[in-house]
Amino acid sequence: MPRFLSMVRVNESELSTEEFPEDFNERMGALLEEITKAGVMLDTAGLTPTSDGTRVHWSDGKLSYTDGPFTETKEVVGGYAIMQCKDKAEALEWAKRFLEIHPENWHVTCEVRQIAEG
């Protein structure tokens, strides 16, 4: 079965933990338990803020490093999931269900891409 990477994209400057509904963690936990029991979820995690990150650039045969935060970037990858699904439609369905748990006033994007296999 193909594997898919879902990258959760957020605007870091708009995030606030105070905006989460009271039952958010419970609903998210139930969805993650369901997707894991279904044998779909291979790995998932949130990522630390870009202020903790470093970008490594390769250009003209030389490396350079840029420490975060990356203020020129509006949207960043805030988390990911690696899923094994029968097809892209199933991966998109799980992404849809994940997004629907978030508050309506949030702007969250899941970019779903199939992982290229050998």
PDB file of N, CA and C in Angstrom:
ATOM      1  N   MET A   1       0.848  -1.183   0.000  1.00  0.00           N
ATOM      2  CA  MET A   1       0.000   0.000   0.000  1.00  0.00           C
ATOM      3  C   MET A   1       0.889   1.240   0.000  1.00  0.00           C
ATOM      4  N   PRO A   2       0.453   2.275  -0.705  1.00  0.00           N
ATOM      5  CA  PRO A   2       1.261   3.494  -0.760  1.00  0.00           C
ATOM      6  C   PRO A   2       1.269   4.240   0.573  1.00  0.00           C
ATOM      7  N   ARG A   3       2.354   4.972   0.783  1.00  0.00           N
ATOM      8  CA  ARG A   3       2.475   5.826   1.966  1.00  0.00           C
ATOM      9  C   ARG A   3       2.305   7.280   1.543  1.00  0.00           C
ATOM     10  N   PHE A   4       1.756   8.078   2.442  1.00  0.00           N
ATOM     11  CA  PHE A   4       1.507   9.487   2.176  1.00  0.00           C
ATOM     12  C   PHE A   4       2.047  10.323   3.322  1.00  0.00           C
ATOM     13  N   LEU A   5       2.577  11.483   2.974  1.00  0.00           N
ATOM     14  CA  LEU A   5       3.031  12.460   3.955  1.00  0.00           C
ATOM     15  C   LEU A   5       2.029  13.597   3.975  1.00  0.00           C
ATOM     16  N   SER A   6       1.505  13.873   5.142  1.00  0.00           N
ATOM     17  CA  SER A   6       0.618  15.021   5.326  1.00  0.00           C
ATOM     18  C   SER A   6       1.384  16.058   6.125  1.00  0.00           C
ATOM     19  N   MET A   7       1.620  17.216   5.511  1.00  0.00           N
ATOM     20  CA  MET A   7       2.323  18.306   6.194  1.00  0.00           C
ATOM     21  C   MET A   7       1.283  19.326   6.636  1.00  0.00           C
ATOM     22  N   VAL A   8       1.243  19.585   7.923  1.00  0.00           N
ATOM     23  CA  VAL A   8       0.289  20.528   8.480  1.00  0.00           C
ATOM     24  C   VAL A   8       0.921  21.907   8.441  1.00  0.00           C
ATOM     25  N   ARG A   9       0.350  22.775   7.639  1.00  0.00           N
ATOM     26  CA  ARG A   9       0.900  24.126   7.465  1.00  0.00           C
ATOM     27  C   ARG A   9       0.061  25.128   8.254  1.00  0.00           C
ATOM     28  N   VAL A  10       0.765  25.987   8.997  1.00  0.00           N
ATOM     29  CA  VAL A  10       0.114  27.000   9.829  1.00  0.00           C
ATOM     30  C   VAL A  10       0.871  28.321   9.710  1.00  0.00           C
ATOM     31  N   ASN A  11       0.216  29.387  10.071  1.00  0.00           N
ATOM     32  CA  ASN A  11       0.870  30.679  10.205  1.00  0.00           C
ATOM     33  C   ASN A  11       1.264  30.801  11.669  1.00  0.00           C
ATOM     34  N   GLU A  12       2.539  30.674  11.942  1.00  0.00           N
ATOM     35  CA  GLU A  12       3.033  30.661  13.323  1.00  0.00           C
ATOM     36  C   GLU A  12       2.611  31.878  14.128  1.00  0.00           C
ATOM     37  N   SER A  13       2.559  33.025  13.488  1.00  0.00           N
ATOM     38  CA  SER A  13       2.237  34.257  14.221  1.00  0.00           C
ATOM     39  C   SER A  13       0.781  34.311  14.660  1.00  0.00           C
ATOM     40  N   GLU A  14      -0.072  33.471  14.085  1.00  0.00           N
ATOM     41  CA  GLU A  14      -1.493  33.473  14.436  1.00  0.00           C
ATOM     42  C   GLU A  14      -1.857  32.421  15.480  1.00  0.00           C
ATOM     43  N   LEU A  15      -0.913  31.545  15.845  1.00  0.00           N
ATOM     44  CA  LEU A  15      -1.232  30.461  16.768  1.00  0.00           C
ATOM     45  C   LEU A  15      -1.348  30.952  18.196  1.00  0.00           C
ATOM     46  N   SER A  16      -2.355  30.433  18.876  1.00  0.00           N
ATOM     47  CA  SER A  16      -2.519  30.723  20.295  1.00  0.00           C
ATOM     48  C   SER A  16      -3.178  29.514  20.941  1.00  0.00           C
ATOM     49  N   THR A  17      -2.544  28.956  21.948  1.00  0.00           N
ATOM     50  CA  THR A  17      -3.110  27.779  22.604  1.00  0.00           C
ATOM     51  C   THR A  17      -4.403  28.115  23.329  1.00  0.00           C
ATOM     52  N   GLU A  18      -4.646  29.377  23.630  1.00  0.00           N
ATOM     53  CA  GLU A  18      -5.858  29.770  24.331  1.00  0.00           C
ATOM     54  C   GLU A  18      -7.093  29.635  23.457  1.00  0.00           C
ATOM     55  N   GLU A  19      -6.937  29.577  22.134  1.00  0.00           N
ATOM     56  CA  GLU A  19      -8.075  29.510  21.234  1.00  0.00           C
ATOM     57  C   GLU A  19      -8.628  28.098  21.072  1.00  0.00           C
ATOM     58  N   PHE A  20      -7.942  27.095  21.580  1.00  0.00           N
ATOM     59  CA  PHE A  20      -8.420  25.728  21.423  1.00  0.00           C
ATOM     60  C   PHE A  20      -9.710  25.537  22.216  1.00  0.00           C
ATOM     61  N   PRO A  21     -10.694  24.891  21.614  1.00  0.00           N
ATOM     62  CA  PRO A  21     -11.903  24.557  22.365  1.00  0.00           C
ATOM     63  C   PRO A  21     -11.564  23.586  23.498  1.00  0.00           C
ATOM     64  N   GLU A  22     -12.390  23.565  24.525  1.00  0.00           N
ATOM     65  CA  GLU A  22     -12.124  22.724  25.687  1.00  0.00           C
ATOM     66  C   GLU A  22     -11.971  21.256  25.314  1.00  0.00           C
ATOM     67  N   ASP A  23     -12.745  20.778  24.353  1.00  0.00           N
ATOM     68  CA  ASP A  23     -12.727  19.359  24.011  1.00  0.00           C
ATOM     69  C   ASP A  23     -11.766  19.036  22.859  1.00  0.00           C
ATOM     70  N   PHE A  24     -10.918  19.986  22.458  1.00  0.00           N
ATOM     71  CA  PHE A  24     -10.025  19.775  21.322  1.00  0.00           C
ATOM     72  C   PHE A  24      -9.112  18.573  21.532  1.00  0.00           C
ATOM     73  N   ASN A  25      -8.402  18.528  22.645  1.00  0.00           N
ATOM     74  CA  ASN A  25      -7.457  17.437  22.899  1.00  0.00           C
ATOM     75  C   ASN A  25      -8.156  16.084  22.940  1.00  0.00           C
ATOM     76  N   GLU A  26      -9.352  16.051  23.507  1.00  0.00           N
ATOM     77  CA  GLU A  26     -10.119  14.806  23.573  1.00  0.00           C
ATOM     78  C   GLU A  26     -10.512  14.333  22.171  1.00  0.00           C
ATOM     79  N   ARG A  27     -11.008  15.251  21.347  1.00  0.00           N
ATOM     80  CA  ARG A  27     -11.422  14.891  19.987  1.00  0.00           C
ATOM     81  C   ARG A  27     -10.223  14.504  19.128  1.00  0.00           C
ATOM     82  N   MET A  28      -9.106  15.223  19.268  1.00  0.00           N
ATOM     83  CA  MET A  28      -7.905  14.899  18.512  1.00  0.00           C
ATOM     84  C   MET A  28      -7.364  13.538  18.939  1.00  0.00           C
ATOM     85  N   GLY A  29      -7.357  13.283  20.237  1.00  0.00           N
ATOM     86  CA  GLY A  29      -6.903  11.995  20.743  1.00  0.00           C
ATOM     87  C   GLY A  29      -7.745  10.843  20.213  1.00  0.00           C
ATOM     88  N   ALA A  30      -9.063  11.046  20.145  1.00  0.00           N
ATOM     89  CA  ALA A  30      -9.956  10.002  19.631  1.00  0.00           C
ATOM     90  C   ALA A  30      -9.681   9.735  18.154  1.00  0.00           C
ATOM     91  N   LEU A  31      -9.450  10.788  17.368  1.00  0.00           N
ATOM     92  CA  LEU A  31      -9.155  10.598  15.951  1.00  0.00           C
ATOM     93  C   LEU A  31      -7.822   9.879  15.768  1.00  0.00           C
ATOM     94  N   LEU A  32      -6.806  10.285  16.519  1.00  0.00           N
ATOM     95  CA  LEU A  32      -5.498   9.628  16.407  1.00  0.00           C
ATOM     96  C   LEU A  32      -5.567   8.164  16.831  1.00  0.00           C
ATOM     97  N   GLU A  33      -6.377   7.872  17.832  1.00  0.00           N
ATOM     98  CA  GLU A  33      -6.560   6.479  18.245  1.00  0.00           C
ATOM     99  C   GLU A  33      -7.258   5.684  17.128  1.00  0.00           C
ATOM    100  N   GLU A  34      -8.276   6.284  16.511  1.00  0.00           N
ATOM    101  CA  GLU A  34      -8.999   5.610  15.432  1.00  0.00           C
ATOM    102  C   GLU A  34      -8.093   5.333  14.232  1.00  0.00           C
ATOM    103  N   ILE A  35      -7.319   6.326  13.816  1.00  0.00           N
ATOM    104  CA  ILE A  35      -6.461   6.161  12.643  1.00  0.00           C
ATOM    105  C   ILE A  35      -5.329   5.177  12.926  1.00  0.00           C
ATOM    106  N   THR A  36      -4.869   5.110  14.181  1.00  0.00           N
ATOM    107  CA  THR A  36      -3.835   4.151  14.554  1.00  0.00           C
ATOM    108  C   THR A  36      -4.399   2.733  14.571  1.00  0.00           C
ATOM    109  N   LYS A  37      -5.579   2.552  15.173  1.00  0.00           N
ATOM    110  CA  LYS A  37      -6.210   1.228  15.214  1.00  0.00           C
ATOM    111  C   LYS A  37      -6.551   0.729  13.817  1.00  0.00           C
ATOM    112  N   ALA A  38      -6.825   1.651  12.884  1.00  0.00           N
ATOM    113  CA  ALA A  38      -7.137   1.273  11.503  1.00  0.00           C
ATOM    114  C   ALA A  38      -5.877   0.831  10.748  1.00  0.00           C
ATOM    115  N   GLY A  39      -4.700   0.977  11.368  1.00  0.00           N
ATOM    116  CA  GLY A  39      -3.450   0.578  10.740  1.00  0.00           C
ATOM    117  C   GLY A  39      -2.950   1.567   9.708  1.00  0.00           C
ATOM    118  N   VAL A  40      -3.470   2.784   9.743  1.00  0.00           N
ATOM    119  CA  VAL A  40      -3.120   3.810   8.758  1.00  0.00           C
ATOM    120  C   VAL A  40      -1.944   4.659   9.222  1.00  0.00           C
ATOM    121  N   MET A  41      -1.950   5.072  10.482  1.00  0.00           N
ATOM    122  CA  MET A  41      -0.942   5.993  10.993  1.00  0.00           C
ATOM    123  C   MET A  41       0.371   5.266  11.250  1.00  0.00           C
ATOM    124  N   LEU A  42       1.415   5.720  10.588  1.00  0.00           N
ATOM    125  CA  LEU A  42       2.750   5.168  10.809  1.00  0.00           C
ATOM    126  C   LEU A  42       3.554   6.040  11.759  1.00  0.00           C
ATOM    127  N   ASP A  43       3.369   7.365  11.684  1.00  0.00           N
ATOM    128  CA  ASP A  43       4.081   8.285  12.567  1.00  0.00           C
ATOM    129  C   ASP A  43       3.420   9.655  12.461  1.00  0.00           C
ATOM    130  N   THR A  44       3.410  10.393  13.545  1.00  0.00           N
ATOM    131  CA  THR A  44       2.884  11.753  13.536  1.00  0.00           C
ATOM    132  C   THR A  44       3.499  12.539  14.682  1.00  0.00           C
ATOM    133  N   ALA A  45       3.645  13.838  14.486  1.00  0.00           N
ATOM    134  CA  ALA A  45       4.159  14.704  15.549  1.00  0.00           C
ATOM    135  C   ALA A  45       3.981  16.159  15.151  1.00  0.00           C
ATOM    136  N   GLY A  46       3.910  16.997  16.161  1.00  0.00           N
ATOM    137  CA  GLY A  46       3.991  18.430  15.941  1.00  0.00           C
ATOM    138  C   GLY A  46       5.461  18.819  15.933  1.00  0.00           C
ATOM    139  N   LEU A  47       5.756  19.983  15.400  1.00  0.00           N
ATOM    140  CA  LEU A  47       7.134  20.459  15.336  1.00  0.00           C
ATOM    141  C   LEU A  47       7.310  21.679  16.231  1.00  0.00           C
ATOM    142  N   THR A  48       8.519  21.863  16.718  1.00  0.00           N
ATOM    143  CA  THR A  48       8.812  23.041  17.531  1.00  0.00           C
ATOM    144  C   THR A  48       8.743  24.281  16.643  1.00  0.00           C
ATOM    145  N   PRO A  49       8.613  25.469  17.230  1.00  0.00           N
ATOM    146  CA  PRO A  49       8.539  26.703  16.436  1.00  0.00           C
ATOM    147  C   PRO A  49       9.785  26.925  15.586  1.00  0.00           C
ATOM    148  N   THR A  50       9.642  27.700  14.528  1.00  0.00           N
ATOM    149  CA  THR A  50      10.783  27.982  13.655  1.00  0.00           C
ATOM    150  C   THR A  50      11.901  28.711  14.397  1.00  0.00           C
ATOM    151  N   SER A  51      11.587  29.353  15.508  1.00  0.00           N
ATOM    152  CA  SER A  51      12.632  30.024  16.284  1.00  0.00           C
ATOM    153  C   SER A  51      13.659  29.026  16.805  1.00  0.00           C
ATOM    154  N   ASP A  52      13.286  27.747  16.882  1.00  0.00           N
ATOM    155  CA  ASP A  52      14.208  26.693  17.311  1.00  0.00           C
ATOM    156  C   ASP A  52      14.904  26.011  16.138  1.00  0.00           C
ATOM    157  N   GLY A  53      14.548  26.379  14.910  1.00  0.00           N
ATOM    158  CA  GLY A  53      15.060  25.692  13.730  1.00  0.00           C
ATOM    159  C   GLY A  53      16.241  26.385  13.079  1.00  0.00           C
ATOM    160  N   THR A  54      16.883  25.653  12.193  1.00  0.00           N
ATOM    161  CA  THR A  54      17.985  26.173  11.379  1.00  0.00           C
ATOM    162  C   THR A  54      17.789  25.668   9.962  1.00  0.00           C
ATOM    163  N   ARG A  55      17.935  26.541   8.992  1.00  0.00           N
ATOM    164  CA  ARG A  55      17.901  26.156   7.587  1.00  0.00           C
ATOM    165  C   ARG A  55      19.330  26.002   7.096  1.00  0.00           C
ATOM    166  N   VAL A  56      19.574  24.909   6.386  1.00  0.00           N
ATOM    167  CA  VAL A  56      20.886  24.649   5.806  1.00  0.00           C
ATOM    168  C   VAL A  56      20.744  24.836   4.299  1.00  0.00           C
ATOM    169  N   HIS A  57      21.504  25.758   3.739  1.00  0.00           N
ATOM    170  CA  HIS A  57      21.415  26.098   2.318  1.00  0.00           C
ATOM    171  C   HIS A  57      22.647  25.578   1.576  1.00  0.00           C
ATOM    172  N   TRP A  58      22.455  25.107   0.356  1.00  0.00           N
ATOM    173  CA  TRP A  58      23.536  24.684  -0.526  1.00  0.00           C
ATOM    174  C   TRP A  58      23.436  25.521  -1.787  1.00  0.00           C
ATOM    175  N   SER A  59      24.466  26.289  -2.076  1.00  0.00           N
ATOM    176  CA  SER A  59      24.463  27.141  -3.261  1.00  0.00           C
ATOM    177  C   SER A  59      25.899  27.367  -3.715  1.00  0.00           C
ATOM    178  N   ASP A  60      26.129  27.222  -5.002  1.00  0.00           N
ATOM    179  CA  ASP A  60      27.464  27.427  -5.570  1.00  0.00           C
ATOM    180  C   ASP A  60      28.534  26.597  -4.859  1.00  0.00           C
ATOM    181  N   GLY A  61      28.161  25.384  -4.447  1.00  0.00           N
ATOM    182  CA  GLY A  61      29.126  24.490  -3.819  1.00  0.00           C
ATOM    183  C   GLY A  61      29.473  24.839  -2.385  1.00  0.00           C
ATOM    184  N   LYS A  62      28.690  25.724  -1.754  1.00  0.00           N
ATOM    185  CA  LYS A  62      28.972  26.132  -0.377  1.00  0.00           C
ATOM    186  C   LYS A  62      27.734  25.990   0.486  1.00  0.00           C
ATOM    187  N   LEU A  63      27.968  25.671   1.752  1.00  0.00           N
ATOM    188  CA  LEU A  63      26.894  25.584   2.731  1.00  0.00           C
ATOM    189  C   LEU A  63      26.782  26.887   3.514  1.00  0.00           C
ATOM    190  N   SER A  64      25.564  27.237   3.848  1.00  0.00           N
ATOM    191  CA  SER A  64      25.341  28.340   4.780  1.00  0.00           C
ATOM    192  C   SER A  64      24.187  27.957   5.692  1.00  0.00           C
ATOM    193  N   TYR A  65      24.134  28.574   6.843  1.00  0.00           N
ATOM    194  CA  TYR A  65      23.135  28.250   7.856  1.00  0.00           C
ATOM    195  C   TYR A  65      22.386  29.513   8.242  1.00  0.00           C
ATOM    196  N   THR A  66      21.073  29.390   8.397  1.00  0.00           N
ATOM    197  CA  THR A  66      20.239  30.494   8.857  1.00  0.00           C
ATOM    198  C   THR A  66      19.421  30.005  10.037  1.00  0.00           C
ATOM    199  N   ASP A  67      19.612  30.630  11.196  1.00  0.00           N
ATOM    200  CA  ASP A  67      18.830  30.269  12.375  1.00  0.00           C
ATOM    201  C   ASP A  67      17.474  30.958  12.334  1.00  0.00           C
ATOM    202  N   GLY A  68      16.462  30.267  12.845  1.00  0.00           N
ATOM    203  CA  GLY A  68      15.111  30.821  12.916  1.00  0.00           C
ATOM    204  C   GLY A  68      15.024  31.862  14.005  1.00  0.00           C
ATOM    205  N   PRO A  69      13.918  32.573  14.092  1.00  0.00           N
ATOM    206  CA  PRO A  69      12.693  32.354  13.311  1.00  0.00           C
ATOM    207  C   PRO A  69      12.849  32.886  11.882  1.00  0.00           C
ATOM    208  N   PHE A  70      12.032  32.357  11.009  1.00  0.00           N
ATOM    209  CA  PHE A  70      12.080  32.729   9.602  1.00  0.00           C
ATOM    210  C   PHE A  70      10.923  33.682   9.317  1.00  0.00           C
ATOM    211  N   THR A  71      11.141  34.955   9.619  1.00  0.00           N
ATOM    212  CA  THR A  71      10.072  35.952   9.561  1.00  0.00           C
ATOM    213  C   THR A  71       9.544  36.189   8.157  1.00  0.00           C
ATOM    214  N   GLU A  72      10.357  35.904   7.127  1.00  0.00           N
ATOM    215  CA  GLU A  72       9.892  36.120   5.759  1.00  0.00           C
ATOM    216  C   GLU A  72       8.909  35.037   5.317  1.00  0.00           C
ATOM    217  N   THR A  73       8.788  33.981   6.102  1.00  0.00           N
ATOM    218  CA  THR A  73       7.900  32.874   5.766  1.00  0.00           C
ATOM    219  C   THR A  73       6.588  33.035   6.512  1.00  0.00           C
ATOM    220  N   LYS A  74       5.494  33.138   5.769  1.00  0.00           N
ATOM    221  CA  LYS A  74       4.188  33.246   6.406  1.00  0.00           C
ATOM    222  C   LYS A  74       3.709  31.900   6.916  1.00  0.00           C
ATOM    223  N   GLU A  75       3.750  30.903   6.060  1.00  0.00           N
ATOM    224  CA  GLU A  75       3.213  29.591   6.380  1.00  0.00           C
ATOM    225  C   GLU A  75       4.360  28.617   6.605  1.00  0.00           C
ATOM    226  N   VAL A  76       4.318  27.871   7.718  1.00  0.00           N
ATOM    227  CA  VAL A  76       5.369  26.917   8.028  1.00  0.00           C
ATOM    228  C   VAL A  76       4.752  25.549   8.291  1.00  0.00           C
ATOM    229  N   VAL A  77       5.566  24.517   8.192  1.00  0.00           N
ATOM    230  CA  VAL A  77       5.119  23.177   8.545  1.00  0.00           C
ATOM    231  C   VAL A  77       5.154  23.080  10.065  1.00  0.00           C
ATOM    232  N   GLY A  78       3.986  22.905  10.659  1.00  0.00           N
ATOM    233  CA  GLY A  78       3.877  22.844  12.116  1.00  0.00           C
ATOM    234  C   GLY A  78       3.762  21.426  12.645  1.00  0.00           C
ATOM    235  N   GLY A  79       3.576  20.474  11.746  1.00  0.00           N
ATOM    236  CA  GLY A  79       3.453  19.075  12.139  1.00  0.00           C
ATOM    237  C   GLY A  79       3.360  18.207  10.908  1.00  0.00           C
ATOM    238  N   TYR A  80       3.366  16.908  11.122  1.00  0.00           N
ATOM    239  CA  TYR A  80       3.311  15.988   9.988  1.00  0.00           C
ATOM    240  C   TYR A  80       2.652  14.683  10.414  1.00  0.00           C
ATOM    241  N   ALA A  81       2.245  13.930   9.422  1.00  0.00           N
ATOM    242  CA  ALA A  81       1.775  12.557   9.636  1.00  0.00           C
ATOM    243  C   ALA A  81       2.232  11.727   8.449  1.00  0.00           C
ATOM    244  N   ILE A  82       2.682  10.524   8.729  1.00  0.00           N
ATOM    245  CA  ILE A  82       2.987   9.565   7.669  1.00  0.00           C
ATOM    246  C   ILE A  82       1.942   8.466   7.780  1.00  0.00           C
ATOM    247  N   MET A  83       1.171   8.306   6.706  1.00  0.00           N
ATOM    248  CA  MET A  83       0.061   7.364   6.705  1.00  0.00           C
ATOM    249  C   MET A  83       0.237   6.340   5.590  1.00  0.00           C
ATOM    250  N   GLN A  84      -0.246   5.145   5.830  1.00  0.00           N
ATOM    251  CA  GLN A  84      -0.265   4.109   4.802  1.00  0.00           C
ATOM    252  C   GLN A  84      -1.733   3.874   4.464  1.00  0.00           C
ATOM    253  N   CYS A  85      -2.113   4.274   3.251  1.00  0.00           N
ATOM    254  CA  CYS A  85      -3.514   4.234   2.836  1.00  0.00           C
ATOM    255  C   CYS A  85      -3.653   3.453   1.541  1.00  0.00           C
ATOM    256  N   LYS A  86      -4.872   3.008   1.268  1.00  0.00           N
ATOM    257  CA  LYS A  86      -5.078   2.244   0.030  1.00  0.00           C
ATOM    258  C   LYS A  86      -4.919   3.122  -1.197  1.00  0.00           C
ATOM    259  N   ASP A  87      -5.219   4.438  -1.054  1.00  0.00           N
ATOM    260  CA  ASP A  87      -5.078   5.367  -2.174  1.00  0.00           C
ATOM    261  C   ASP A  87      -5.094   6.803  -1.654  1.00  0.00           C
ATOM    262  N   LYS A  88      -4.918   7.750  -2.567  1.00  0.00           N
ATOM    263  CA  LYS A  88      -4.881   9.166  -2.192  1.00  0.00           C
ATOM    264  C   LYS A  88      -6.212   9.630  -1.616  1.00  0.00           C
ATOM    265  N   ALA A  89      -7.307   9.084  -2.130  1.00  0.00           N
ATOM    266  CA  ALA A  89      -8.629   9.477  -1.625  1.00  0.00           C
ATOM    267  C   ALA A  89      -8.757   9.184  -0.134  1.00  0.00           C
ATOM    268  N   GLU A  90      -8.246   8.033   0.308  1.00  0.00           N
ATOM    269  CA  GLU A  90      -8.307   7.703   1.731  1.00  0.00           C
ATOM    270  C   GLU A  90      -7.426   8.655   2.542  1.00  0.00           C
ATOM    271  N   ALA A  91      -6.234   8.967   2.032  1.00  0.00           N
ATOM    272  CA  ALA A  91      -5.338   9.904   2.723  1.00  0.00           C
ATOM    273  C   ALA A  91      -5.999  11.277   2.856  1.00  0.00           C
ATOM    274  N   LEU A  92      -6.679  11.714   1.804  1.00  0.00           N
ATOM    275  CA  LEU A  92      -7.368  13.010   1.847  1.00  0.00           C
ATOM    276  C   LEU A  92      -8.539  12.997   2.830  1.00  0.00           C
ATOM    277  N   GLU A  93      -9.212  11.880   2.951  1.00  0.00           N
ATOM    278  CA  GLU A  93     -10.314  11.768   3.907  1.00  0.00           C
ATOM    279  C   GLU A  93      -9.810  11.918   5.342  1.00  0.00           C
ATOM    280  N   TRP A  94      -8.681  11.283   5.665  1.00  0.00           N
ATOM    281  CA  TRP A  94      -8.112  11.425   7.004  1.00  0.00           C
ATOM    282  C   TRP A  94      -7.665  12.870   7.244  1.00  0.00           C
ATOM    283  N   ALA A  95      -7.070  13.509   6.236  1.00  0.00           N
ATOM    284  CA  ALA A  95      -6.649  14.904   6.363  1.00  0.00           C
ATOM    285  C   ALA A  95      -7.850  15.805   6.617  1.00  0.00           C
ATOM    286  N   LYS A  96      -8.943  15.549   5.916  1.00  0.00           N
ATOM    287  CA  LYS A  96     -10.185  16.325   6.097  1.00  0.00           C
ATOM    288  C   LYS A  96     -10.689  16.193   7.534  1.00  0.00           C
ATOM    289  N   ARG A  97     -10.714  14.979   8.033  1.00  0.00           N
ATOM    290  CA  ARG A  97     -11.204  14.749   9.392  1.00  0.00           C
ATOM    291  C   ARG A  97     -10.292  15.419  10.421  1.00  0.00           C
ATOM    292  N   PHE A  98      -8.989  15.415  10.176  1.00  0.00           N
ATOM    293  CA  PHE A  98      -8.039  16.083  11.056  1.00  0.00           C
ATOM    294  C   PHE A  98      -8.310  17.585  11.093  1.00  0.00           C
ATOM    295  N   LEU A  99      -8.489  18.188   9.928  1.00  0.00           N
ATOM    296  CA  LEU A  99      -8.713  19.635   9.854  1.00  0.00           C
ATOM    297  C   LEU A  99     -10.027  20.044  10.511  1.00  0.00           C
ATOM    298  N   GLU A 100     -11.054  19.233  10.373  1.00  0.00           N
ATOM    299  CA  GLU A 100     -12.370  19.577  10.911  1.00  0.00           C
ATOM    300  C   GLU A 100     -12.398  19.644  12.435  1.00  0.00           C
ATOM    301  N   ILE A 101     -11.400  19.105  13.100  1.00  0.00           N
ATOM    302  CA  ILE A 101     -11.315  19.170  14.566  1.00  0.00           C
ATOM    303  C   ILE A 101     -10.871  20.560  15.032  1.00  0.00           C
ATOM    304  N   HIS A 102     -10.180  21.299  14.182  1.00  0.00           N
ATOM    305  CA  HIS A 102      -9.636  22.606  14.549  1.00  0.00           C
ATOM    306  C   HIS A 102     -10.724  23.680  14.610  1.00  0.00           C
ATOM    307  N   PRO A 103     -10.497  24.734  15.398  1.00  0.00           N
ATOM    308  CA  PRO A 103     -11.460  25.830  15.474  1.00  0.00           C
ATOM    309  C   PRO A 103     -11.723  26.428  14.095  1.00  0.00           C
ATOM    310  N   GLU A 104     -12.962  26.828  13.854  1.00  0.00           N
ATOM    311  CA  GLU A 104     -13.369  27.352  12.551  1.00  0.00           C
ATOM    312  C   GLU A 104     -12.610  28.613  12.155  1.00  0.00           C
ATOM    313  N   ASN A 105     -12.167  29.409  13.126  1.00  0.00           N
ATOM    314  CA  ASN A 105     -11.492  30.677  12.817  1.00  0.00           C
ATOM    315  C   ASN A 105     -10.000  30.489  12.523  1.00  0.00           C
ATOM    316  N   TRP A 106      -9.490  29.262  12.620  1.00  0.00           N
ATOM    317  CA  TRP A 106      -8.091  28.994  12.331  1.00  0.00           C
ATOM    318  C   TRP A 106      -7.892  28.829  10.833  1.00  0.00           C
ATOM    319  N   HIS A 107      -6.681  29.087  10.382  1.00  0.00           N
ATOM    320  CA  HIS A 107      -6.283  28.848   8.999  1.00  0.00           C
ATOM    321  C   HIS A 107      -5.205  27.774   9.036  1.00  0.00           C
ATOM    322  N   VAL A 108      -5.602  26.543   8.747  1.00  0.00           N
ATOM    323  CA  VAL A 108      -4.704  25.394   8.790  1.00  0.00           C
ATOM    324  C   VAL A 108      -4.816  24.675   7.453  1.00  0.00           C
ATOM    325  N   THR A 109      -3.698  24.250   6.910  1.00  0.00           N
ATOM    326  CA  THR A 109      -3.665  23.541   5.632  1.00  0.00           C
ATOM    327  C   THR A 109      -2.947  22.218   5.818  1.00  0.00           C
ATOM    328  N   CYS A 110      -3.456  21.164   5.210  1.00  0.00           N
ATOM    329  CA  CYS A 110      -2.757  19.887   5.132  1.00  0.00           C
ATOM    330  C   CYS A 110      -2.375  19.664   3.685  1.00  0.00           C
ATOM    331  N   GLU A 111      -1.095  19.585   3.441  1.00  0.00           N
ATOM    332  CA  GLU A 111      -0.613  19.232   2.106  1.00  0.00           C
ATOM    333  C   GLU A 111      -0.339  17.741   2.127  1.00  0.00           C
ATOM    334  N   VAL A 112      -1.062  16.991   1.286  1.00  0.00           N
ATOM    335  CA  VAL A 112      -0.941  15.529   1.254  1.00  0.00           C
ATOM    336  C   VAL A 112      -0.218  15.136  -0.022  1.00  0.00           C
ATOM    337  N   ARG A 113       0.887  14.388   0.154  1.00  0.00           N
ATOM    338  CA  ARG A 113       1.679  13.947  -1.004  1.00  0.00           C
ATOM    339  C   ARG A 113       2.078  12.497  -0.822  1.00  0.00           C
ATOM    340  N   GLN A 114       2.018  11.751  -1.900  1.00  0.00           N
ATOM    341  CA  GLN A 114       2.435  10.356  -1.854  1.00  0.00           C
ATOM    342  C   GLN A 114       3.953  10.297  -1.780  1.00  0.00           C
ATOM    343  N   ILE A 115       4.463   9.371  -0.971  1.00  0.00           N
ATOM    344  CA  ILE A 115       5.892   9.175  -0.825  1.00  0.00           C
ATOM    345  C   ILE A 115       6.371   8.316  -1.984  1.00  0.00           C
ATOM    346  N   ALA A 116       7.371   8.796  -2.695  1.00  0.00           N
ATOM    347  CA  ALA A 116       7.923   8.051  -3.834  1.00  0.00           C
ATOM    348  C   ALA A 116       8.653   6.823  -3.311  1.00  0.00           C
ATOM    349  N   GLU A 117       8.269   5.674  -3.783  1.00  0.00           N
ATOM    350  CA  GLU A 117       8.867   4.415  -3.346  1.00  0.00           C
ATOM    351  C   GLU A 117       9.891   3.957  -4.359  1.00  0.00           C
ATOM    352  N   GLY A 118      11.071   3.567  -3.874  1.00  0.00           N
ATOM    353  CA  GLY A 118      12.201   3.067  -4.617  1.00  0.00           C
ATOM    354  C   GLY A 118      11.993   2.840  -6.036  1.00  0.00           C
TER     355      GLY A 118
END
